[in-house]
Amino acid sequence: ASVKIDAVSLKSTKNSDLMDERTHSTIKADKYPSISYVFT
């Protein structure tokens, strides 16, 4: 089993572009475009 999330697809539920920019910057979405989970 595996899960892959596009990091820049994380969007604020308040529809805030500023919040989205801060989120993407915090998780380094430009350098690491994916968040993933791989079952072992």
PDB file of all heavy atoms in Angstrom:
ATOM      1  N   ALA A   1       0.847  -1.189   0.000  1.00  0.00           N
ATOM      2  CA  ALA A   1       0.000   0.000   0.000  1.00  0.00           C
ATOM      3  C   ALA A   1       0.880   1.234   0.000  1.00  0.00           C
ATOM      4  O   ALA A   1       1.955   1.244   0.601  1.00  0.00           O
ATOM      5  CB  ALA A   1      -0.920   0.015   1.225  1.00  0.00           C
ATOM      6  N   SER A   2       0.429   2.267  -0.698  1.00  0.00           N
ATOM      7  CA  SER A   2       1.168   3.527  -0.699  1.00  0.00           C
ATOM      8  C   SER A   2       0.227   4.695  -0.953  1.00  0.00           C
ATOM      9  O   SER A   2      -0.830   4.541  -1.561  1.00  0.00           O
ATOM     10  CB  SER A   2       2.280   3.510  -1.751  1.00  0.00           C
ATOM     11  OG  SER A   2       1.733   3.474  -3.051  1.00  0.00           O
ATOM     12  N   VAL A   3       0.650   5.843  -0.455  1.00  0.00           N
ATOM     13  CA  VAL A   3      -0.103   7.088  -0.632  1.00  0.00           C
ATOM     14  C   VAL A   3       0.875   8.144  -1.136  1.00  0.00           C
ATOM     15  O   VAL A   3       1.990   8.258  -0.631  1.00  0.00           O
ATOM     16  CB  VAL A   3      -0.714   7.581   0.704  1.00  0.00           C
ATOM     17  CG1 VAL A   3      -1.481   8.882   0.500  1.00  0.00           C
ATOM     18  CG2 VAL A   3      -1.603   6.510   1.323  1.00  0.00           C
ATOM     19  N   LYS A   4       0.451   8.902  -2.134  1.00  0.00           N
ATOM     20  CA  LYS A   4       1.271  10.007  -2.647  1.00  0.00           C
ATOM     21  C   LYS A   4       0.389  11.246  -2.740  1.00  0.00           C
ATOM     22  O   LYS A   4      -0.683  11.204  -3.347  1.00  0.00           O
ATOM     23  CB  LYS A   4       1.852   9.653  -4.013  1.00  0.00           C
ATOM     24  CG  LYS A   4       2.745  10.745  -4.579  1.00  0.00           C
ATOM     25  CD  LYS A   4       3.256  10.350  -5.956  1.00  0.00           C
ATOM     26  CE  LYS A   4       4.017  11.494  -6.595  1.00  0.00           C
ATOM     27  NZ  LYS A   4       4.376  11.204  -7.989  1.00  0.00           N
ATOM     28  N   ILE A   5       0.848  12.334  -2.126  1.00  0.00           N
ATOM     29  CA  ILE A   5       0.136  13.607  -2.154  1.00  0.00           C
ATOM     30  C   ILE A   5       1.028  14.646  -2.821  1.00  0.00           C
ATOM     31  O   ILE A   5       2.197  14.796  -2.448  1.00  0.00           O
ATOM     32  CB  ILE A   5      -0.218  14.071  -0.725  1.00  0.00           C
ATOM     33  CG1 ILE A   5      -1.120  13.047  -0.031  1.00  0.00           C
ATOM     34  CG2 ILE A   5      -0.879  15.448  -0.742  1.00  0.00           C
ATOM     35  CD1 ILE A   5      -1.333  13.317   1.452  1.00  0.00           C
ATOM     36  N   ASP A   6       0.490  15.341  -3.816  1.00  0.00           N
ATOM     37  CA  ASP A   6       1.246  16.452  -4.401  1.00  0.00           C
ATOM     38  C   ASP A   6       1.299  17.568  -3.358  1.00  0.00           C
ATOM     39  O   ASP A   6       0.259  18.056  -2.915  1.00  0.00           O
ATOM     40  CB  ASP A   6       0.567  16.961  -5.675  1.00  0.00           C
ATOM     41  CG  ASP A   6       0.684  15.969  -6.830  1.00  0.00           C
ATOM     42  OD1 ASP A   6       1.455  15.000  -6.700  1.00  0.00           O
ATOM     43  OD2 ASP A   6      -0.011  16.163  -7.845  1.00  0.00           O
ATOM     44  N   ALA A   7       2.492  17.964  -2.977  1.00  0.00           N
ATOM     45  CA  ALA A   7       2.651  18.938  -1.890  1.00  0.00           C
ATOM     46  C   ALA A   7       1.932  20.257  -2.176  1.00  0.00           C
ATOM     47  O   ALA A   7       1.299  20.835  -1.290  1.00  0.00           O
ATOM     48  CB  ALA A   7       4.137  19.183  -1.626  1.00  0.00           C
ATOM     49  N   VAL A   8       1.988  20.713  -3.430  1.00  0.00           N
ATOM     50  CA  VAL A   8       1.331  21.988  -3.749  1.00  0.00           C
ATOM     51  C   VAL A   8      -0.183  21.853  -3.834  1.00  0.00           C
ATOM     52  O   VAL A   8      -0.888  22.845  -3.993  1.00  0.00           O
ATOM     53  CB  VAL A   8       1.873  22.610  -5.061  1.00  0.00           C
ATOM     54  CG1 VAL A   8       3.324  23.027  -4.903  1.00  0.00           C
ATOM     55  CG2 VAL A   8       1.679  21.677  -6.233  1.00  0.00           C
ATOM     56  N   SER A   9      -0.683  20.614  -3.727  1.00  0.00           N
ATOM     57  CA  SER A   9      -2.147  20.426  -3.750  1.00  0.00           C
ATOM     58  C   SER A   9      -2.772  20.698  -2.387  1.00  0.00           C
ATOM     59  O   SER A   9      -3.997  20.684  -2.257  1.00  0.00           O
ATOM     60  CB  SER A   9      -2.498  19.009  -4.221  1.00  0.00           C
ATOM     61  OG  SER A   9      -2.434  18.074  -3.157  1.00  0.00           O
ATOM     62  N   LEU A  10      -1.950  20.927  -1.351  1.00  0.00           N
ATOM     63  CA  LEU A  10      -2.508  21.285  -0.046  1.00  0.00           C
ATOM     64  C   LEU A  10      -3.056  22.706  -0.119  1.00  0.00           C
ATOM     65  O   LEU A  10      -2.314  23.660  -0.380  1.00  0.00           O
ATOM     66  CB  LEU A  10      -1.437  21.183   1.046  1.00  0.00           C
ATOM     67  CG  LEU A  10      -1.042  19.760   1.450  1.00  0.00           C
ATOM     68  CD1 LEU A  10       0.152  19.802   2.398  1.00  0.00           C
ATOM     69  CD2 LEU A  10      -2.200  19.029   2.102  1.00  0.00           C
ATOM     70  N   LYS A  11      -4.365  22.833   0.063  1.00  0.00           N
ATOM     71  CA  LYS A  11      -5.038  24.119  -0.060  1.00  0.00           C
ATOM     72  C   LYS A  11      -5.786  24.434   1.227  1.00  0.00           C
ATOM     73  O   LYS A  11      -6.489  23.576   1.769  1.00  0.00           O
ATOM     74  CB  LYS A  11      -6.036  24.107  -1.227  1.00  0.00           C
ATOM     75  CG  LYS A  11      -5.439  23.725  -2.570  1.00  0.00           C
ATOM     76  CD  LYS A  11      -4.542  24.804  -3.117  1.00  0.00           C
ATOM     77  CE  LYS A  11      -4.014  24.443  -4.515  1.00  0.00           C
ATOM     78  NZ  LYS A  11      -3.067  25.424  -5.009  1.00  0.00           N
ATOM     79  N   SER A  12      -5.683  25.672   1.668  1.00  0.00           N
ATOM     80  CA  SER A  12      -6.376  26.112   2.875  1.00  0.00           C
ATOM     81  C   SER A  12      -7.884  26.020   2.685  1.00  0.00           C
ATOM     82  O   SER A  12      -8.409  26.374   1.624  1.00  0.00           O
ATOM     83  CB  SER A  12      -5.994  27.561   3.191  1.00  0.00           C
ATOM     84  OG  SER A  12      -6.854  28.094   4.175  1.00  0.00           O
ATOM     85  N   THR A  13      -8.585  25.536   3.710  1.00  0.00           N
ATOM     86  CA  THR A  13     -10.051  25.470   3.634  1.00  0.00           C
ATOM     87  C   THR A  13     -10.668  26.864   3.721  1.00  0.00           C
ATOM     88  O   THR A  13     -11.858  27.036   3.486  1.00  0.00           O
ATOM     89  CB  THR A  13     -10.623  24.576   4.758  1.00  0.00           C
ATOM     90  OG1 THR A  13     -10.145  25.059   6.030  1.00  0.00           O
ATOM     91  CG2 THR A  13     -10.188  23.142   4.582  1.00  0.00           C
ATOM     92  N   LYS A  14      -9.854  27.871   4.035  1.00  0.00           N
ATOM     93  CA  LYS A  14     -10.340  29.262   4.077  1.00  0.00           C
ATOM     94  C   LYS A  14     -10.089  29.976   2.738  1.00  0.00           C
ATOM     95  O   LYS A  14     -10.283  31.181   2.620  1.00  0.00           O
ATOM     96  CB  LYS A  14      -9.653  30.039   5.207  1.00  0.00           C
ATOM     97  CG  LYS A  14      -9.952  29.503   6.592  1.00  0.00           C
ATOM     98  CD  LYS A  14      -9.323  30.384   7.655  1.00  0.00           C
ATOM     99  CE  LYS A  14      -9.427  29.787   9.042  1.00  0.00           C
ATOM    100  NZ  LYS A  14     -10.780  29.581   9.517  1.00  0.00           N
ATOM    101  N   ASN A  15      -9.637  29.192   1.725  1.00  0.00           N
ATOM    102  CA  ASN A  15      -9.339  29.750   0.406  1.00  0.00           C
ATOM    103  C   ASN A  15      -8.382  30.935   0.491  1.00  0.00           C
ATOM    104  O   ASN A  15      -8.594  31.978  -0.130  1.00  0.00           O
ATOM    105  CB  ASN A  15     -10.628  30.156  -0.327  1.00  0.00           C
ATOM    106  CG  ASN A  15     -11.492  28.964  -0.660  1.00  0.00           C
ATOM    107  OD1 ASN A  15     -10.983  27.928  -1.075  1.00  0.00           O
ATOM    108  ND2 ASN A  15     -12.788  29.082  -0.456  1.00  0.00           N
ATOM    109  N   SER A  16      -7.330  30.765   1.258  1.00  0.00           N
ATOM    110  CA  SER A  16      -6.350  31.829   1.449  1.00  0.00           C
ATOM    111  C   SER A  16      -5.077  31.531   0.660  1.00  0.00           C
ATOM    112  O   SER A  16      -4.352  30.585   0.970  1.00  0.00           O
ATOM    113  CB  SER A  16      -6.019  31.965   2.935  1.00  0.00           C
ATOM    114  OG  SER A  16      -4.877  32.761   3.121  1.00  0.00           O
ATOM    115  N   ASP A  17      -4.815  32.339  -0.379  1.00  0.00           N
ATOM    116  CA  ASP A  17      -3.599  32.154  -1.168  1.00  0.00           C
ATOM    117  C   ASP A  17      -2.352  32.365  -0.315  1.00  0.00           C
ATOM    118  O   ASP A  17      -1.346  31.666  -0.477  1.00  0.00           O
ATOM    119  CB  ASP A  17      -3.574  33.129  -2.355  1.00  0.00           C
ATOM    120  CG  ASP A  17      -4.611  32.765  -3.414  1.00  0.00           C
ATOM    121  OD1 ASP A  17      -5.072  31.616  -3.427  1.00  0.00           O
ATOM    122  OD2 ASP A  17      -4.958  33.648  -4.230  1.00  0.00           O
ATOM    123  N   LEU A  18      -2.410  33.315   0.603  1.00  0.00           N
ATOM    124  CA  LEU A  18      -1.274  33.593   1.481  1.00  0.00           C
ATOM    125  C   LEU A  18      -0.978  32.387   2.370  1.00  0.00           C
ATOM    126  O   LEU A  18       0.182  31.983   2.531  1.00  0.00           O
ATOM    127  CB  LEU A  18      -1.540  34.829   2.337  1.00  0.00           C
ATOM    128  CG  LEU A  18      -0.399  35.249   3.287  1.00  0.00           C
ATOM    129  CD1 LEU A  18       0.888  35.526   2.512  1.00  0.00           C
ATOM    130  CD2 LEU A  18      -0.808  36.474   4.100  1.00  0.00           C
ATOM    131  N   MET A  19      -2.039  31.796   2.932  1.00  0.00           N
ATOM    132  CA  MET A  19      -1.879  30.587   3.768  1.00  0.00           C
ATOM    133  C   MET A  19      -1.276  29.454   2.945  1.00  0.00           C
ATOM    134  O   MET A  19      -0.374  28.744   3.406  1.00  0.00           O
ATOM    135  CB  MET A  19      -3.243  30.184   4.337  1.00  0.00           C
ATOM    136  CG  MET A  19      -3.247  28.873   5.068  1.00  0.00           C
ATOM    137  SD  MET A  19      -2.436  28.967   6.668  1.00  0.00           S
ATOM    138  CE  MET A  19      -2.750  27.325   7.283  1.00  0.00           C
ATOM    139  N   ASP A  20      -1.752  29.286   1.698  1.00  0.00           N
ATOM    140  CA  ASP A  20      -1.223  28.224   0.834  1.00  0.00           C
ATOM    141  C   ASP A  20       0.261  28.441   0.548  1.00  0.00           C
ATOM    142  O   ASP A  20       1.061  27.508   0.607  1.00  0.00           O
ATOM    143  CB  ASP A  20      -2.007  28.158  -0.481  1.00  0.00           C
ATOM    144  CG  ASP A  20      -3.448  27.701  -0.282  1.00  0.00           C
ATOM    145  OD1 ASP A  20      -3.743  27.142   0.795  1.00  0.00           O
ATOM    146  OD2 ASP A  20      -4.259  27.901  -1.194  1.00  0.00           O
ATOM    147  N   GLU A  21       0.643  29.696   0.248  1.00  0.00           N
ATOM    148  CA  GLU A  21       2.045  29.998  -0.023  1.00  0.00           C
ATOM    149  C   GLU A  21       2.917  29.678   1.185  1.00  0.00           C
ATOM    150  O   GLU A  21       4.003  29.108   1.046  1.00  0.00           O
ATOM    151  CB  GLU A  21       2.204  31.486  -0.376  1.00  0.00           C
ATOM    152  CG  GLU A  21       1.718  31.845  -1.761  1.00  0.00           C
ATOM    153  CD  GLU A  21       1.754  33.346  -2.007  1.00  0.00           C
ATOM    154  OE1 GLU A  21       2.525  34.043  -1.311  1.00  0.00           O
ATOM    155  OE2 GLU A  21       1.019  33.808  -2.898  1.00  0.00           O
ATOM    156  N   ARG A  22       2.438  30.035   2.367  1.00  0.00           N
ATOM    157  CA  ARG A  22       3.199  29.758   3.589  1.00  0.00           C
ATOM    158  C   ARG A  22       3.310  28.255   3.848  1.00  0.00           C
ATOM    159  O   ARG A  22       4.363  27.765   4.260  1.00  0.00           O
ATOM    160  CB  ARG A  22       2.544  30.467   4.773  1.00  0.00           C
ATOM    161  CG  ARG A  22       2.733  31.975   4.723  1.00  0.00           C
ATOM    162  CD  ARG A  22       1.951  32.671   5.809  1.00  0.00           C
ATOM    163  NE  ARG A  22       2.253  34.108   5.838  1.00  0.00           N
ATOM    164  CZ  ARG A  22       1.559  34.996   6.517  1.00  0.00           C
ATOM    165  NH1 ARG A  22       0.508  34.603   7.234  1.00  0.00           N
ATOM    166  NH2 ARG A  22       1.887  36.256   6.503  1.00  0.00           N
ATOM    167  N   THR A  23       2.213  27.540   3.602  1.00  0.00           N
ATOM    168  CA  THR A  23       2.227  26.073   3.786  1.00  0.00           C
ATOM    169  C   THR A  23       3.235  25.434   2.842  1.00  0.00           C
ATOM    170  O   THR A  23       4.078  24.627   3.259  1.00  0.00           O
ATOM    171  CB  THR A  23       0.824  25.478   3.533  1.00  0.00           C
ATOM    172  OG1 THR A  23      -0.087  26.033   4.475  1.00  0.00           O
ATOM    173  CG2 THR A  23       0.829  23.955   3.660  1.00  0.00           C
ATOM    174  N   HIS A  24       3.173  25.807   1.558  1.00  0.00           N
ATOM    175  CA  HIS A  24       4.072  25.221   0.559  1.00  0.00           C
ATOM    176  C   HIS A  24       5.533  25.562   0.842  1.00  0.00           C
ATOM    177  O   HIS A  24       6.421  24.725   0.660  1.00  0.00           O
ATOM    178  CB  HIS A  24       3.664  25.679  -0.848  1.00  0.00           C
ATOM    179  CG  HIS A  24       2.257  25.303  -1.205  1.00  0.00           C
ATOM    180  ND1 HIS A  24       1.525  25.949  -2.167  1.00  0.00           N
ATOM    181  CD2 HIS A  24       1.431  24.345  -0.692  1.00  0.00           C
ATOM    182  CE1 HIS A  24       0.322  25.409  -2.249  1.00  0.00           C
ATOM    183  NE2 HIS A  24       0.246  24.440  -1.361  1.00  0.00           N
ATOM    184  N   SER A  25       5.753  26.777   1.318  1.00  0.00           N
ATOM    185  CA  SER A  25       7.117  27.187   1.674  1.00  0.00           C
ATOM    186  C   SER A  25       7.625  26.389   2.880  1.00  0.00           C
ATOM    187  O   SER A  25       8.768  25.923   2.896  1.00  0.00           O
ATOM    188  CB  SER A  25       7.130  28.689   1.981  1.00  0.00           C
ATOM    189  OG  SER A  25       8.385  29.078   2.476  1.00  0.00           O
ATOM    190  N   THR A  26       6.757  26.214   3.884  1.00  0.00           N
ATOM    191  CA  THR A  26       7.137  25.503   5.115  1.00  0.00           C
ATOM    192  C   THR A  26       7.527  24.060   4.835  1.00  0.00           C
ATOM    193  O   THR A  26       8.479  23.532   5.410  1.00  0.00           O
ATOM    194  CB  THR A  26       5.983  25.558   6.142  1.00  0.00           C
ATOM    195  OG1 THR A  26       5.723  26.930   6.459  1.00  0.00           O
ATOM    196  CG2 THR A  26       6.319  24.800   7.404  1.00  0.00           C
ATOM    197  N   ILE A  27       6.774  23.389   3.933  1.00  0.00           N
ATOM    198  CA  ILE A  27       7.065  21.974   3.638  1.00  0.00           C
ATOM    199  C   ILE A  27       8.018  21.821   2.449  1.00  0.00           C
ATOM    200  O   ILE A  27       8.225  20.714   1.956  1.00  0.00           O
ATOM    201  CB  ILE A  27       5.777  21.152   3.414  1.00  0.00           C
ATOM    202  CG1 ILE A  27       4.982  21.696   2.216  1.00  0.00           C
ATOM    203  CG2 ILE A  27       4.932  21.119   4.672  1.00  0.00           C
ATOM    204  CD1 ILE A  27       3.776  20.839   1.846  1.00  0.00           C
ATOM    205  N   LYS A  28       8.588  22.949   1.993  1.00  0.00           N
ATOM    206  CA  LYS A  28       9.587  22.953   0.911  1.00  0.00           C
ATOM    207  C   LYS A  28       9.068  22.269  -0.348  1.00  0.00           C
ATOM    208  O   LYS A  28       9.734  21.420  -0.958  1.00  0.00           O
ATOM    209  CB  LYS A  28      10.878  22.282   1.388  1.00  0.00           C
ATOM    210  CG  LYS A  28      11.430  22.885   2.669  1.00  0.00           C
ATOM    211  CD  LYS A  28      12.534  22.030   3.249  1.00  0.00           C
ATOM    212  CE  LYS A  28      12.884  22.507   4.656  1.00  0.00           C
ATOM    213  NZ  LYS A  28      13.756  21.576   5.351  1.00  0.00           N
ATOM    214  N   ALA A  29       7.832  22.628  -0.721  1.00  0.00           N
ATOM    215  CA  ALA A  29       7.154  21.974  -1.849  1.00  0.00           C
ATOM    216  C   ALA A  29       7.892  22.166  -3.170  1.00  0.00           C
ATOM    217  O   ALA A  29       7.816  21.299  -4.051  1.00  0.00           O
ATOM    218  CB  ALA A  29       5.723  22.482  -1.960  1.00  0.00           C
ATOM    219  N   ASP A  30       8.618  23.274  -3.321  1.00  0.00           N
ATOM    220  CA  ASP A  30       9.343  23.481  -4.574  1.00  0.00           C
ATOM    221  C   ASP A  30      10.486  22.485  -4.737  1.00  0.00           C
ATOM    222  O   ASP A  30      10.771  22.013  -5.829  1.00  0.00           O
ATOM    223  CB  ASP A  30       9.871  24.921  -4.652  1.00  0.00           C
ATOM    224  CG  ASP A  30      10.755  25.304  -3.463  1.00  0.00           C
ATOM    225  OD1 ASP A  30      10.642  24.642  -2.401  1.00  0.00           O
ATOM    226  OD2 ASP A  30      11.559  26.240  -3.590  1.00  0.00           O
ATOM    227  N   LYS A  31      11.107  22.110  -3.630  1.00  0.00           N
ATOM    228  CA  LYS A  31      12.237  21.169  -3.659  1.00  0.00           C
ATOM    229  C   LYS A  31      11.774  19.715  -3.517  1.00  0.00           C
ATOM    230  O   LYS A  31      12.363  18.802  -4.100  1.00  0.00           O
ATOM    231  CB  LYS A  31      13.211  21.519  -2.536  1.00  0.00           C
ATOM    232  CG  LYS A  31      14.525  20.770  -2.605  1.00  0.00           C
ATOM    233  CD  LYS A  31      15.511  21.283  -1.574  1.00  0.00           C
ATOM    234  CE  LYS A  31      16.840  20.557  -1.663  1.00  0.00           C
ATOM    235  NZ  LYS A  31      17.793  21.012  -0.631  1.00  0.00           N
ATOM    236  N   TYR A  32      10.720  19.501  -2.720  1.00  0.00           N
ATOM    237  CA  TYR A  32      10.199  18.139  -2.472  1.00  0.00           C
ATOM    238  C   TYR A  32       8.714  18.124  -2.835  1.00  0.00           C
ATOM    239  O   TYR A  32       7.862  18.395  -1.997  1.00  0.00           O
ATOM    240  CB  TYR A  32      10.401  17.754  -1.010  1.00  0.00           C
ATOM    241  CG  TYR A  32      11.847  17.852  -0.567  1.00  0.00           C
ATOM    242  CD1 TYR A  32      12.278  18.909   0.234  1.00  0.00           C
ATOM    243  CD2 TYR A  32      12.779  16.901  -0.977  1.00  0.00           C
ATOM    244  CE1 TYR A  32      13.608  19.003   0.621  1.00  0.00           C
ATOM    245  CE2 TYR A  32      14.104  16.995  -0.601  1.00  0.00           C
ATOM    246  CZ  TYR A  32      14.516  18.045   0.206  1.00  0.00           C
ATOM    247  OH  TYR A  32      15.830  18.146   0.584  1.00  0.00           O
ATOM    248  N   PRO A  33       8.400  17.836  -4.107  1.00  0.00           N
ATOM    249  CA  PRO A  33       7.034  17.981  -4.601  1.00  0.00           C
ATOM    250  C   PRO A  33       6.019  16.956  -4.098  1.00  0.00           C
ATOM    251  O   PRO A  33       4.827  17.125  -4.312  1.00  0.00           O
ATOM    252  CB  PRO A  33       7.186  17.876  -6.119  1.00  0.00           C
ATOM    253  CG  PRO A  33       8.466  17.123  -6.332  1.00  0.00           C
ATOM    254  CD  PRO A  33       9.352  17.452  -5.174  1.00  0.00           C
ATOM    255  N   SER A  34       6.487  15.905  -3.399  1.00  0.00           N
ATOM    256  CA  SER A  34       5.554  14.873  -2.940  1.00  0.00           C
ATOM    257  C   SER A  34       5.656  14.607  -1.447  1.00  0.00           C
ATOM    258  O   SER A  34       6.741  14.650  -0.871  1.00  0.00           O
ATOM    259  CB  SER A  34       5.814  13.546  -3.671  1.00  0.00           C
ATOM    260  OG  SER A  34       5.558  13.684  -5.041  1.00  0.00           O
ATOM    261  N   ILE A  35       4.515  14.336  -0.855  1.00  0.00           N
ATOM    262  CA  ILE A  35       4.427  13.780   0.502  1.00  0.00           C
ATOM    263  C   ILE A  35       3.988  12.338   0.290  1.00  0.00           C
ATOM    264  O   ILE A  35       3.054  12.082  -0.479  1.00  0.00           O
ATOM    265  CB  ILE A  35       3.380  14.542   1.338  1.00  0.00           C
ATOM    266  CG1 ILE A  35       3.801  16.007   1.501  1.00  0.00           C
ATOM    267  CG2 ILE A  35       3.173  13.879   2.696  1.00  0.00           C
ATOM    268  CD1 ILE A  35       2.698  16.901   2.025  1.00  0.00           C
ATOM    269  N   SER A  36       4.658  11.388   0.934  1.00  0.00           N
ATOM    270  CA  SER A  36       4.303   9.996   0.667  1.00  0.00           C
ATOM    271  C   SER A  36       4.306   9.139   1.934  1.00  0.00           C
ATOM    272  O   SER A  36       4.957   9.467   2.924  1.00  0.00           O
ATOM    273  CB  SER A  36       5.258   9.384  -0.360  1.00  0.00           C
ATOM    274  OG  SER A  36       6.567   9.306   0.165  1.00  0.00           O
ATOM    275  N   TYR A  37       3.537   8.060   1.851  1.00  0.00           N
ATOM    276  CA  TYR A  37       3.542   7.046   2.904  1.00  0.00           C
ATOM    277  C   TYR A  37       3.602   5.686   2.217  1.00  0.00           C
ATOM    278  O   TYR A  37       2.795   5.400   1.319  1.00  0.00           O
ATOM    279  CB  TYR A  37       2.283   7.124   3.773  1.00  0.00           C
ATOM    280  CG  TYR A  37       2.333   6.163   4.950  1.00  0.00           C
ATOM    281  CD1 TYR A  37       3.022   6.495   6.113  1.00  0.00           C
ATOM    282  CD2 TYR A  37       1.734   4.907   4.883  1.00  0.00           C
ATOM    283  CE1 TYR A  37       3.097   5.617   7.181  1.00  0.00           C
ATOM    284  CE2 TYR A  37       1.810   4.020   5.949  1.00  0.00           C
ATOM    285  CZ  TYR A  37       2.486   4.380   7.092  1.00  0.00           C
ATOM    286  OH  TYR A  37       2.578   3.508   8.157  1.00  0.00           O
ATOM    287  N   VAL A  38       4.564   4.863   2.629  1.00  0.00           N
ATOM    288  CA  VAL A  38       4.725   3.531   2.054  1.00  0.00           C
ATOM    289  C   VAL A  38       4.629   2.492   3.162  1.00  0.00           C
ATOM    290  O   VAL A  38       5.413   2.511   4.125  1.00  0.00           O
ATOM    291  CB  VAL A  38       6.069   3.401   1.295  1.00  0.00           C
ATOM    292  CG1 VAL A  38       6.215   1.992   0.723  1.00  0.00           C
ATOM    293  CG2 VAL A  38       6.167   4.448   0.188  1.00  0.00           C
ATOM    294  N   PHE A  39       3.656   1.610   3.025  1.00  0.00           N
ATOM    295  CA  PHE A  39       3.429   0.518   3.985  1.00  0.00           C
ATOM    296  C   PHE A  39       4.606  -0.449   3.992  1.00  0.00           C
ATOM    297  O   PHE A  39       5.160  -0.767   2.938  1.00  0.00           O
ATOM    298  CB  PHE A  39       2.138  -0.215   3.581  1.00  0.00           C
ATOM    299  CG  PHE A  39       2.000  -1.596   4.138  1.00  0.00           C
ATOM    300  CD1 PHE A  39       1.460  -1.801   5.400  1.00  0.00           C
ATOM    301  CD2 PHE A  39       2.392  -2.707   3.401  1.00  0.00           C
ATOM    302  CE1 PHE A  39       1.326  -3.079   5.913  1.00  0.00           C
ATOM    303  CE2 PHE A  39       2.259  -3.987   3.904  1.00  0.00           C
ATOM    304  CZ  PHE A  39       1.726  -4.175   5.165  1.00  0.00           C
ATOM    305  N   THR A  40       4.989  -0.918   5.192  1.00  0.00           N
ATOM    306  CA  THR A  40       6.039  -1.942   5.289  1.00  0.00           C
ATOM    307  C   THR A  40       5.520  -3.245   5.898  1.00  0.00           C
ATOM    308  O   THR A  40       5.826  -4.323   5.421  1.00  0.00           O
ATOM    309  CB  THR A  40       7.255  -1.446   6.089  1.00  0.00           C
ATOM    310  OG1 THR A  40       6.828  -0.950   7.364  1.00  0.00           O
ATOM    311  CG2 THR A  40       7.990  -0.342   5.337  1.00  0.00           C
TER     312      THR A  40
END
